[in-house]
Amino acid sequence: MPERLHFTASDEANALIAADPMALLVGFVLDQQVTVQKAFVGPLALKERLGTLDAATLAATDLEPVFREKPAIHRFPGSMAQRVHELAVHIRDRYDGDAARVWNDAADEAELRANLTALPGVGDMKIKAIGAVLAKRYGVTAAEGLVPWHPTLGDVDSAAALTEYQALKKVHKREWNTLAGPPA
């Protein structure tokens, strides 16, 4: 396990998302319509406001007021509070509150993909990103086949690498949008 993931400017947030699997998954769920840095500092803000990231506690809490407290944890506090609540309920009910079981219980790539697909707020792009982080930063063998050809957060191992990743991501998105063409 890495000592920290370099996804934010906060050393404390980087250490939390590296050490706490629930924090890592919450960060990925929040990684939507905000910067990577904002998304992955979210678990620290949530922990500071609630005192824990325990799945049972998150599942039993009305998270919307916590997300709306200034400064808001996400630019869409209502929908993201609901998404994190759904994630917590899933982790509590399916994995007895142990978020690491999402990948530790997976015998192979297919099972890991199924486990990740079942997580609220996780689609194909996030499966690839989570898979890349698990394979490249945590050494999860079952995740190796999920790693895409393009740059992902799994390639980020420093603040400089995060800056480079974000620049490459913009290029990749622009290329993908060009290939996709205009909507029909």
N, C-alpha and C. Protein backbone atom coordinates (compact mmCIF):
# COMPACT_ATOMS: atom_id res chain seq x y z
N MET A 1 0.85 -1.18 0.00
CA MET A 1 0.00 0.00 0.00
C MET A 1 0.89 1.24 0.00
N PRO A 2 0.57 2.20 -0.85
CA PRO A 2 1.37 3.43 -0.85
C PRO A 2 1.12 4.26 0.41
N GLU A 3 2.11 5.04 0.81
CA GLU A 3 1.93 5.93 1.96
C GLU A 3 0.93 7.03 1.65
N ARG A 4 0.94 7.47 0.39
CA ARG A 4 -0.01 8.50 -0.02
C ARG A 4 -0.21 8.40 -1.53
N LEU A 5 -1.34 8.89 -1.95
CA LEU A 5 -1.63 9.07 -3.37
C LEU A 5 -1.56 10.57 -3.61
N HIS A 6 -0.99 10.97 -4.69
CA HIS A 6 -0.73 12.39 -4.94
C HIS A 6 -1.82 13.00 -5.82
N PHE A 7 -3.05 12.96 -5.32
CA PHE A 7 -4.19 13.44 -6.09
C PHE A 7 -4.65 14.83 -5.67
N THR A 8 -4.12 15.35 -4.55
CA THR A 8 -4.52 16.67 -4.06
C THR A 8 -3.27 17.44 -3.63
N ALA A 9 -3.47 18.69 -3.24
CA ALA A 9 -2.38 19.50 -2.69
C ALA A 9 -2.25 19.29 -1.18
N SER A 10 -3.17 18.53 -0.59
CA SER A 10 -3.18 18.28 0.85
C SER A 10 -2.48 16.97 1.16
N ASP A 11 -1.38 17.05 1.90
CA ASP A 11 -0.67 15.84 2.29
C ASP A 11 -1.57 14.94 3.15
N GLU A 12 -2.37 15.55 4.00
CA GLU A 12 -3.28 14.79 4.87
C GLU A 12 -4.34 14.05 4.04
N ALA A 13 -4.90 14.72 3.05
CA ALA A 13 -5.89 14.07 2.18
C ALA A 13 -5.24 12.95 1.37
N ASN A 14 -4.04 13.19 0.87
CA ASN A 14 -3.33 12.18 0.08
C ASN A 14 -3.04 10.93 0.92
N ALA A 15 -2.67 11.12 2.18
CA ALA A 15 -2.41 9.99 3.07
C ALA A 15 -3.71 9.25 3.39
N LEU A 16 -4.79 9.98 3.60
CA LEU A 16 -6.08 9.37 3.92
C LEU A 16 -6.58 8.49 2.78
N ILE A 17 -6.57 9.00 1.56
CA ILE A 17 -7.09 8.20 0.44
C ILE A 17 -6.20 7.00 0.14
N ALA A 18 -4.93 7.07 0.51
CA ALA A 18 -4.04 5.92 0.33
C ALA A 18 -4.29 4.85 1.39
N ALA A 19 -4.57 5.28 2.62
CA ALA A 19 -4.68 4.35 3.74
C ALA A 19 -6.08 3.80 3.96
N ASP A 20 -7.11 4.55 3.57
CA ASP A 20 -8.49 4.18 3.87
C ASP A 20 -9.24 3.86 2.58
N PRO A 21 -9.54 2.57 2.33
CA PRO A 21 -10.23 2.20 1.10
C PRO A 21 -11.56 2.91 0.90
N MET A 22 -12.29 3.17 1.98
CA MET A 22 -13.56 3.89 1.84
C MET A 22 -13.30 5.31 1.36
N ALA A 23 -12.26 5.95 1.88
CA ALA A 23 -11.90 7.30 1.43
C ALA A 23 -11.56 7.28 -0.06
N LEU A 24 -10.83 6.28 -0.50
CA LEU A 24 -10.47 6.18 -1.92
C LEU A 24 -11.73 6.06 -2.78
N LEU A 25 -12.65 5.19 -2.38
CA LEU A 25 -13.87 5.03 -3.17
C LEU A 25 -14.74 6.28 -3.14
N VAL A 26 -14.83 6.93 -1.99
CA VAL A 26 -15.59 8.18 -1.92
C VAL A 26 -14.97 9.21 -2.87
N GLY A 27 -13.65 9.30 -2.88
CA GLY A 27 -12.98 10.22 -3.80
C GLY A 27 -13.33 9.94 -5.25
N PHE A 28 -13.33 8.67 -5.62
CA PHE A 28 -13.68 8.33 -7.01
C PHE A 28 -15.14 8.67 -7.31
N VAL A 29 -16.03 8.45 -6.36
CA VAL A 29 -17.44 8.80 -6.57
C VAL A 29 -17.58 10.31 -6.75
N LEU A 30 -16.81 11.08 -5.98
CA LEU A 30 -16.89 12.54 -6.08
C LEU A 30 -16.18 13.10 -7.31
N ASP A 31 -15.39 12.28 -7.98
CA ASP A 31 -14.62 12.73 -9.15
C ASP A 31 -15.53 12.86 -10.37
N GLN A 32 -16.36 13.87 -10.30
CA GLN A 32 -17.33 14.12 -11.37
C GLN A 32 -17.67 15.61 -11.36
N GLN A 33 -17.42 16.28 -12.45
CA GLN A 33 -17.76 17.70 -12.62
C GLN A 33 -16.98 18.62 -11.67
N VAL A 34 -15.87 18.12 -11.11
CA VAL A 34 -14.95 18.93 -10.31
C VAL A 34 -13.54 18.47 -10.64
N THR A 35 -12.55 19.23 -10.20
CA THR A 35 -11.17 18.81 -10.42
C THR A 35 -10.85 17.57 -9.59
N VAL A 36 -9.84 16.86 -10.01
CA VAL A 36 -9.35 15.71 -9.26
C VAL A 36 -9.03 16.14 -7.83
N GLN A 37 -8.37 17.28 -7.70
CA GLN A 37 -7.97 17.77 -6.38
C GLN A 37 -9.18 17.99 -5.48
N LYS A 38 -10.23 18.59 -6.00
CA LYS A 38 -11.45 18.85 -5.23
C LYS A 38 -12.12 17.53 -4.85
N ALA A 39 -12.20 16.61 -5.81
CA ALA A 39 -12.85 15.32 -5.55
C ALA A 39 -12.15 14.55 -4.44
N PHE A 40 -10.83 14.48 -4.48
CA PHE A 40 -10.11 13.61 -3.56
C PHE A 40 -9.76 14.27 -2.23
N VAL A 41 -10.00 15.58 -2.09
CA VAL A 41 -9.91 16.21 -0.78
C VAL A 41 -11.27 16.07 -0.07
N GLY A 42 -12.30 15.71 -0.82
CA GLY A 42 -13.64 15.52 -0.27
C GLY A 42 -13.71 14.52 0.87
N PRO A 43 -13.07 13.34 0.75
CA PRO A 43 -13.12 12.39 1.87
C PRO A 43 -12.55 12.96 3.17
N LEU A 44 -11.51 13.76 3.09
CA LEU A 44 -10.94 14.38 4.29
C LEU A 44 -11.94 15.36 4.90
N ALA A 45 -12.56 16.18 4.07
CA ALA A 45 -13.56 17.13 4.57
C ALA A 45 -14.72 16.38 5.23
N LEU A 46 -15.15 15.31 4.61
CA LEU A 46 -16.24 14.50 5.16
C LEU A 46 -15.83 13.89 6.52
N LYS A 47 -14.63 13.37 6.59
CA LYS A 47 -14.14 12.79 7.85
C LYS A 47 -14.01 13.87 8.93
N GLU A 48 -13.52 15.04 8.56
CA GLU A 48 -13.38 16.12 9.54
C GLU A 48 -14.74 16.56 10.08
N ARG A 49 -15.76 16.54 9.23
CA ARG A 49 -17.09 16.99 9.64
C ARG A 49 -17.86 15.92 10.44
N LEU A 50 -17.63 14.64 10.10
CA LEU A 50 -18.37 13.55 10.76
C LEU A 50 -17.55 12.80 11.80
N GLY A 51 -16.24 12.93 11.70
CA GLY A 51 -15.37 12.21 12.63
C GLY A 51 -14.99 10.82 12.17
N THR A 52 -15.57 10.35 11.07
CA THR A 52 -15.31 9.00 10.57
C THR A 52 -15.74 8.89 9.10
N LEU A 53 -15.19 7.87 8.45
CA LEU A 53 -15.66 7.49 7.12
C LEU A 53 -16.21 6.06 7.15
N ASP A 54 -16.54 5.61 8.33
CA ASP A 54 -17.12 4.29 8.50
C ASP A 54 -18.39 4.16 7.65
N ALA A 55 -18.47 3.09 6.86
CA ALA A 55 -19.60 2.92 5.94
C ALA A 55 -20.94 2.90 6.67
N ALA A 56 -21.00 2.25 7.82
CA ALA A 56 -22.27 2.19 8.56
C ALA A 56 -22.69 3.59 9.02
N THR A 57 -21.74 4.38 9.47
CA THR A 57 -22.05 5.74 9.91
C THR A 57 -22.50 6.59 8.74
N LEU A 58 -21.79 6.50 7.62
CA LEU A 58 -22.20 7.27 6.43
C LEU A 58 -23.57 6.84 5.95
N ALA A 59 -23.85 5.54 6.01
CA ALA A 59 -25.14 5.02 5.56
C ALA A 59 -26.29 5.46 6.46
N ALA A 60 -26.00 5.69 7.74
CA ALA A 60 -27.03 6.06 8.71
C ALA A 60 -27.20 7.57 8.86
N THR A 61 -26.39 8.34 8.14
CA THR A 61 -26.37 9.80 8.29
C THR A 61 -27.02 10.49 7.10
N ASP A 62 -27.76 11.56 7.37
CA ASP A 62 -28.24 12.43 6.30
C ASP A 62 -27.03 13.27 5.88
N LEU A 63 -26.44 12.92 4.76
CA LEU A 63 -25.18 13.55 4.34
C LEU A 63 -25.36 14.90 3.66
N GLU A 64 -26.56 15.20 3.20
CA GLU A 64 -26.74 16.46 2.46
C GLU A 64 -26.33 17.69 3.25
N PRO A 65 -26.75 17.86 4.50
CA PRO A 65 -26.29 19.04 5.25
C PRO A 65 -24.77 19.06 5.44
N VAL A 66 -24.19 17.89 5.57
CA VAL A 66 -22.74 17.79 5.74
C VAL A 66 -22.04 18.25 4.45
N PHE A 67 -22.58 17.87 3.32
CA PHE A 67 -22.01 18.26 2.03
C PHE A 67 -22.23 19.75 1.75
N ARG A 68 -23.34 20.29 2.22
CA ARG A 68 -23.67 21.70 1.95
C ARG A 68 -22.94 22.67 2.88
N GLU A 69 -22.47 22.19 4.03
CA GLU A 69 -21.75 23.07 4.96
C GLU A 69 -20.61 23.77 4.21
N LYS A 70 -20.44 25.05 4.48
CA LYS A 70 -19.43 25.86 3.79
C LYS A 70 -18.03 25.53 4.31
N PRO A 71 -17.06 25.40 3.43
CA PRO A 71 -17.22 25.28 1.98
C PRO A 71 -17.81 23.92 1.60
N ALA A 72 -18.67 23.93 0.61
CA ALA A 72 -19.33 22.70 0.18
C ALA A 72 -18.29 21.67 -0.25
N ILE A 73 -18.58 20.42 0.02
CA ILE A 73 -17.66 19.34 -0.33
C ILE A 73 -17.61 19.14 -1.84
N HIS A 74 -18.70 19.43 -2.53
CA HIS A 74 -18.77 19.24 -3.99
C HIS A 74 -19.65 20.33 -4.57
N ARG A 75 -19.46 20.62 -5.83
CA ARG A 75 -20.28 21.67 -6.45
C ARG A 75 -21.74 21.26 -6.61
N PHE A 76 -22.01 19.96 -6.53
CA PHE A 76 -23.37 19.43 -6.53
C PHE A 76 -23.59 18.68 -5.22
N PRO A 77 -23.73 19.41 -4.12
CA PRO A 77 -23.76 18.75 -2.81
C PRO A 77 -24.92 17.78 -2.60
N GLY A 78 -26.08 18.11 -3.12
CA GLY A 78 -27.23 17.23 -2.93
C GLY A 78 -27.06 15.89 -3.62
N SER A 79 -26.74 15.92 -4.90
CA SER A 79 -26.61 14.66 -5.65
C SER A 79 -25.39 13.86 -5.22
N MET A 80 -24.31 14.54 -4.86
CA MET A 80 -23.12 13.80 -4.43
C MET A 80 -23.28 13.24 -3.01
N ALA A 81 -24.02 13.94 -2.16
CA ALA A 81 -24.33 13.38 -0.83
C ALA A 81 -25.13 12.10 -1.00
N GLN A 82 -26.09 12.11 -1.90
CA GLN A 82 -26.90 10.92 -2.17
C GLN A 82 -26.04 9.79 -2.73
N ARG A 83 -25.14 10.11 -3.64
CA ARG A 83 -24.27 9.10 -4.25
C ARG A 83 -23.35 8.47 -3.21
N VAL A 84 -22.77 9.29 -2.34
CA VAL A 84 -21.89 8.77 -1.29
C VAL A 84 -22.70 7.94 -0.30
N HIS A 85 -23.91 8.37 0.02
CA HIS A 85 -24.79 7.59 0.89
C HIS A 85 -25.06 6.22 0.27
N GLU A 86 -25.40 6.20 -1.00
CA GLU A 86 -25.66 4.93 -1.70
C GLU A 86 -24.43 4.03 -1.69
N LEU A 87 -23.25 4.62 -1.91
CA LEU A 87 -22.00 3.86 -1.85
C LEU A 87 -21.84 3.25 -0.45
N ALA A 88 -22.04 4.06 0.58
CA ALA A 88 -21.87 3.58 1.96
C ALA A 88 -22.85 2.45 2.28
N VAL A 89 -24.10 2.58 1.85
CA VAL A 89 -25.09 1.52 2.06
C VAL A 89 -24.62 0.23 1.37
N HIS A 90 -24.14 0.36 0.15
CA HIS A 90 -23.66 -0.80 -0.60
C HIS A 90 -22.48 -1.47 0.11
N ILE A 91 -21.51 -0.67 0.54
CA ILE A 91 -20.33 -1.21 1.22
C ILE A 91 -20.74 -1.85 2.55
N ARG A 92 -21.62 -1.20 3.27
CA ARG A 92 -22.11 -1.75 4.54
C ARG A 92 -22.82 -3.09 4.33
N ASP A 93 -23.73 -3.13 3.37
CA ASP A 93 -24.57 -4.30 3.17
C ASP A 93 -23.88 -5.44 2.43
N ARG A 94 -23.08 -5.12 1.45
CA ARG A 94 -22.44 -6.15 0.62
C ARG A 94 -21.11 -6.63 1.18
N TYR A 95 -20.37 -5.72 1.82
CA TYR A 95 -19.01 -6.04 2.26
C TYR A 95 -18.82 -5.86 3.77
N ASP A 96 -19.90 -5.88 4.52
CA ASP A 96 -19.84 -5.72 5.98
C ASP A 96 -19.04 -4.49 6.40
N GLY A 97 -19.13 -3.43 5.58
CA GLY A 97 -18.47 -2.17 5.91
C GLY A 97 -17.01 -2.08 5.53
N ASP A 98 -16.45 -3.13 4.95
CA ASP A 98 -15.02 -3.16 4.60
C ASP A 98 -14.84 -2.89 3.11
N ALA A 99 -14.55 -1.64 2.77
CA ALA A 99 -14.45 -1.23 1.36
C ALA A 99 -13.35 -1.97 0.61
N ALA A 100 -12.28 -2.35 1.28
CA ALA A 100 -11.18 -3.07 0.60
C ALA A 100 -11.64 -4.41 0.05
N ARG A 101 -12.72 -4.95 0.61
CA ARG A 101 -13.22 -6.23 0.10
C ARG A 101 -13.71 -6.12 -1.34
N VAL A 102 -14.01 -4.91 -1.81
CA VAL A 102 -14.41 -4.74 -3.21
C VAL A 102 -13.36 -5.37 -4.12
N TRP A 103 -12.09 -5.15 -3.82
CA TRP A 103 -11.02 -5.74 -4.62
C TRP A 103 -10.41 -6.97 -3.97
N ASN A 104 -10.34 -7.02 -2.66
CA ASN A 104 -9.72 -8.18 -2.02
C ASN A 104 -10.53 -9.45 -2.18
N ASP A 105 -11.85 -9.34 -2.31
CA ASP A 105 -12.70 -10.51 -2.50
C ASP A 105 -12.76 -10.98 -3.95
N ALA A 106 -12.23 -10.18 -4.87
CA ALA A 106 -12.31 -10.51 -6.30
C ALA A 106 -11.22 -11.53 -6.67
N ALA A 107 -11.65 -12.67 -7.17
CA ALA A 107 -10.71 -13.73 -7.54
C ALA A 107 -9.99 -13.43 -8.85
N ASP A 108 -10.63 -12.61 -9.70
CA ASP A 108 -10.04 -12.33 -11.01
C ASP A 108 -10.59 -11.01 -11.55
N GLU A 109 -10.14 -10.67 -12.75
CA GLU A 109 -10.55 -9.41 -13.37
C GLU A 109 -12.06 -9.31 -13.55
N ALA A 110 -12.69 -10.38 -13.99
CA ALA A 110 -14.14 -10.34 -14.23
C ALA A 110 -14.90 -10.07 -12.94
N GLU A 111 -14.48 -10.71 -11.86
CA GLU A 111 -15.16 -10.50 -10.59
C GLU A 111 -14.91 -9.08 -10.06
N LEU A 112 -13.69 -8.58 -10.24
CA LEU A 112 -13.40 -7.21 -9.82
C LEU A 112 -14.23 -6.22 -10.62
N ARG A 113 -14.30 -6.43 -11.93
CA ARG A 113 -15.12 -5.55 -12.78
C ARG A 113 -16.57 -5.57 -12.31
N ALA A 114 -17.10 -6.74 -12.01
CA ALA A 114 -18.48 -6.86 -11.53
C ALA A 114 -18.65 -6.14 -10.19
N ASN A 115 -17.68 -6.28 -9.29
CA ASN A 115 -17.75 -5.61 -7.99
C ASN A 115 -17.75 -4.09 -8.17
N LEU A 116 -16.88 -3.60 -9.04
CA LEU A 116 -16.80 -2.15 -9.27
C LEU A 116 -18.04 -1.64 -9.99
N THR A 117 -18.54 -2.39 -10.95
CA THR A 117 -19.74 -2.00 -11.68
C THR A 117 -20.93 -1.86 -10.75
N ALA A 118 -20.99 -2.67 -9.72
CA ALA A 118 -22.11 -2.64 -8.77
C ALA A 118 -22.06 -1.43 -7.85
N LEU A 119 -20.92 -0.74 -7.78
CA LEU A 119 -20.82 0.43 -6.90
C LEU A 119 -21.61 1.60 -7.48
N PRO A 120 -22.42 2.26 -6.66
CA PRO A 120 -23.15 3.44 -7.13
C PRO A 120 -22.18 4.53 -7.60
N GLY A 121 -22.47 5.09 -8.77
CA GLY A 121 -21.65 6.19 -9.28
C GLY A 121 -20.41 5.74 -10.02
N VAL A 122 -20.27 4.45 -10.28
CA VAL A 122 -19.07 3.95 -10.95
C VAL A 122 -19.47 3.34 -12.29
N GLY A 123 -18.99 3.99 -13.36
CA GLY A 123 -19.22 3.49 -14.71
C GLY A 123 -17.91 3.02 -15.33
N ASP A 124 -17.91 2.81 -16.62
CA ASP A 124 -16.76 2.23 -17.31
C ASP A 124 -15.49 3.06 -17.15
N MET A 125 -15.59 4.38 -17.27
CA MET A 125 -14.38 5.20 -17.14
C MET A 125 -13.80 5.12 -15.73
N LYS A 126 -14.66 5.13 -14.73
CA LYS A 126 -14.17 5.03 -13.35
C LYS A 126 -13.63 3.64 -13.05
N ILE A 127 -14.22 2.62 -13.66
CA ILE A 127 -13.69 1.26 -13.48
C ILE A 127 -12.25 1.22 -13.97
N LYS A 128 -11.98 1.82 -15.12
CA LYS A 128 -10.61 1.85 -15.65
C LYS A 128 -9.68 2.64 -14.73
N ALA A 129 -10.16 3.77 -14.24
CA ALA A 129 -9.33 4.60 -13.36
C ALA A 129 -9.05 3.90 -12.03
N ILE A 130 -10.09 3.34 -11.43
CA ILE A 130 -9.90 2.62 -10.16
C ILE A 130 -9.01 1.40 -10.39
N GLY A 131 -9.26 0.68 -11.48
CA GLY A 131 -8.43 -0.48 -11.81
C GLY A 131 -6.97 -0.11 -11.97
N ALA A 132 -6.71 1.01 -12.62
CA ALA A 132 -5.33 1.45 -12.81
C ALA A 132 -4.67 1.80 -11.48
N VAL A 133 -5.39 2.48 -10.60
CA VAL A 133 -4.84 2.81 -9.28
C VAL A 133 -4.59 1.52 -8.49
N LEU A 134 -5.55 0.62 -8.50
CA LEU A 134 -5.37 -0.63 -7.75
C LEU A 134 -4.20 -1.45 -8.29
N ALA A 135 -4.07 -1.53 -9.61
CA ALA A 135 -2.99 -2.32 -10.20
C ALA A 135 -1.62 -1.66 -10.00
N LYS A 136 -1.55 -0.36 -10.30
CA LYS A 136 -0.25 0.32 -10.30
C LYS A 136 0.21 0.82 -8.94
N ARG A 137 -0.72 1.14 -8.05
CA ARG A 137 -0.33 1.71 -6.75
C ARG A 137 -0.47 0.71 -5.60
N TYR A 138 -1.36 -0.30 -5.77
CA TYR A 138 -1.59 -1.26 -4.69
C TYR A 138 -1.18 -2.68 -5.06
N GLY A 139 -0.80 -2.90 -6.32
CA GLY A 139 -0.37 -4.23 -6.73
C GLY A 139 -1.47 -5.27 -6.78
N VAL A 140 -2.71 -4.85 -7.03
CA VAL A 140 -3.84 -5.78 -7.09
C VAL A 140 -3.82 -6.47 -8.46
N THR A 141 -3.47 -7.74 -8.46
CA THR A 141 -3.33 -8.50 -9.70
C THR A 141 -4.62 -8.55 -10.50
N ALA A 142 -5.75 -8.73 -9.83
CA ALA A 142 -7.04 -8.81 -10.52
C ALA A 142 -7.36 -7.54 -11.30
N ALA A 143 -6.74 -6.42 -10.95
CA ALA A 143 -7.01 -5.14 -11.61
C ALA A 143 -6.17 -4.90 -12.86
N GLU A 144 -5.15 -5.71 -13.08
CA GLU A 144 -4.22 -5.45 -14.18
C GLU A 144 -4.91 -5.37 -15.54
N GLY A 145 -5.90 -6.22 -15.78
CA GLY A 145 -6.60 -6.21 -17.06
C GLY A 145 -7.55 -5.04 -17.23
N LEU A 146 -7.79 -4.28 -16.18
CA LEU A 146 -8.69 -3.12 -16.25
C LEU A 146 -7.95 -1.84 -16.65
N VAL A 147 -6.62 -1.89 -16.66
CA VAL A 147 -5.81 -0.70 -16.93
C VAL A 147 -5.91 -0.35 -18.42
N PRO A 148 -6.37 0.85 -18.74
CA PRO A 148 -6.49 1.24 -20.15
C PRO A 148 -5.16 1.69 -20.73
N TRP A 149 -5.14 1.93 -22.04
CA TRP A 149 -3.92 2.36 -22.72
C TRP A 149 -3.59 3.82 -22.43
N HIS A 150 -4.59 4.61 -22.10
CA HIS A 150 -4.38 6.05 -21.92
C HIS A 150 -3.98 6.36 -20.48
N PRO A 151 -3.45 7.56 -20.25
CA PRO A 151 -3.05 7.95 -18.89
C PRO A 151 -4.25 7.96 -17.93
N THR A 152 -3.99 7.53 -16.69
CA THR A 152 -5.01 7.52 -15.65
C THR A 152 -4.39 7.99 -14.34
N LEU A 153 -5.21 8.09 -13.32
CA LEU A 153 -4.70 8.44 -12.00
C LEU A 153 -3.73 7.38 -11.48
N GLY A 154 -3.78 6.20 -12.02
CA GLY A 154 -2.83 5.16 -11.64
C GLY A 154 -1.40 5.52 -12.00
N ASP A 155 -1.23 6.42 -12.94
CA ASP A 155 0.11 6.87 -13.36
C ASP A 155 0.65 7.99 -12.46
N VAL A 156 -0.19 8.53 -11.60
CA VAL A 156 0.19 9.69 -10.77
C VAL A 156 0.92 9.21 -9.52
N ASP A 157 2.20 9.59 -9.43
CA ASP A 157 3.00 9.22 -8.26
C ASP A 157 3.70 10.42 -7.61
N SER A 158 3.30 11.63 -8.04
CA SER A 158 3.86 12.86 -7.47
C SER A 158 2.97 14.03 -7.89
N ALA A 159 3.23 15.19 -7.28
CA ALA A 159 2.48 16.39 -7.67
C ALA A 159 2.75 16.73 -9.13
N ALA A 160 3.99 16.58 -9.56
CA ALA A 160 4.33 16.87 -10.96
C ALA A 160 3.62 15.90 -11.90
N ALA A 161 3.52 14.64 -11.50
CA ALA A 161 2.84 13.65 -12.33
C ALA A 161 1.34 13.95 -12.43
N LEU A 162 0.76 14.53 -11.38
CA LEU A 162 -0.66 14.91 -11.42
C LEU A 162 -0.86 16.01 -12.46
N THR A 163 0.02 17.00 -12.47
CA THR A 163 -0.07 18.08 -13.46
C THR A 163 0.06 17.52 -14.87
N GLU A 164 1.00 16.62 -15.06
CA GLU A 164 1.20 16.00 -16.39
C GLU A 164 -0.02 15.17 -16.78
N TYR A 165 -0.55 14.40 -15.84
CA TYR A 165 -1.74 13.59 -16.11
C TYR A 165 -2.90 14.47 -16.55
N GLN A 166 -3.12 15.58 -15.84
CA GLN A 166 -4.25 16.45 -16.18
C GLN A 166 -4.09 17.04 -17.58
N ALA A 167 -2.88 17.39 -17.96
CA ALA A 167 -2.63 17.91 -19.31
C ALA A 167 -2.89 16.82 -20.35
N LEU A 168 -2.41 15.62 -20.09
CA LEU A 168 -2.63 14.52 -21.03
C LEU A 168 -4.10 14.14 -21.12
N LYS A 169 -4.81 14.23 -20.01
CA LYS A 169 -6.24 13.92 -19.99
C LYS A 169 -7.01 14.88 -20.89
N LYS A 170 -6.65 16.16 -20.86
CA LYS A 170 -7.31 17.14 -21.73
C LYS A 170 -7.10 16.79 -23.20
N VAL A 171 -5.86 16.41 -23.55
CA VAL A 171 -5.55 16.02 -24.93
C VAL A 171 -6.36 14.78 -25.30
N HIS A 172 -6.36 13.79 -24.42
CA HIS A 172 -7.09 12.55 -24.68
C HIS A 172 -8.58 12.82 -24.89
N LYS A 173 -9.17 13.65 -24.05
CA LYS A 173 -10.60 13.98 -24.19
C LYS A 173 -10.87 14.70 -25.50
N ARG A 174 -10.00 15.62 -25.85
CA ARG A 174 -10.17 16.36 -27.10
C ARG A 174 -10.11 15.39 -28.29
N GLU A 175 -9.13 14.47 -28.27
CA GLU A 175 -9.00 13.48 -29.35
C GLU A 175 -10.23 12.59 -29.41
N TRP A 176 -10.70 12.13 -28.25
CA TRP A 176 -11.86 11.25 -28.20
C TRP A 176 -13.08 11.97 -28.75
N ASN A 177 -13.27 13.23 -28.35
CA ASN A 177 -14.41 14.01 -28.84
C ASN A 177 -14.34 14.23 -30.34
N THR A 178 -13.13 14.41 -30.88
CA THR A 178 -12.96 14.57 -32.32
C THR A 178 -13.33 13.27 -33.05
N LEU A 179 -12.88 12.13 -32.50
CA LEU A 179 -13.19 10.84 -33.11
C LEU A 179 -14.69 10.52 -33.02
N ALA A 180 -15.31 10.93 -31.93
CA ALA A 180 -16.73 10.65 -31.74
C ALA A 180 -17.58 11.47 -32.71
N GLY A 181 -17.07 12.62 -33.09
CA GLY A 181 -17.79 13.47 -34.02
C GLY A 181 -18.97 14.18 -33.36
N PRO A 182 -19.68 14.99 -34.13
CA PRO A 182 -20.82 15.71 -33.57
C PRO A 182 -21.97 14.74 -33.27
N PRO A 183 -22.81 15.11 -32.32
CA PRO A 183 -23.97 14.26 -32.00
C PRO A 183 -24.89 14.11 -33.19
N ALA A 184 -25.50 12.97 -33.29
CA ALA A 184 -26.40 12.69 -34.44
C ALA A 184 -27.73 13.37 -34.27
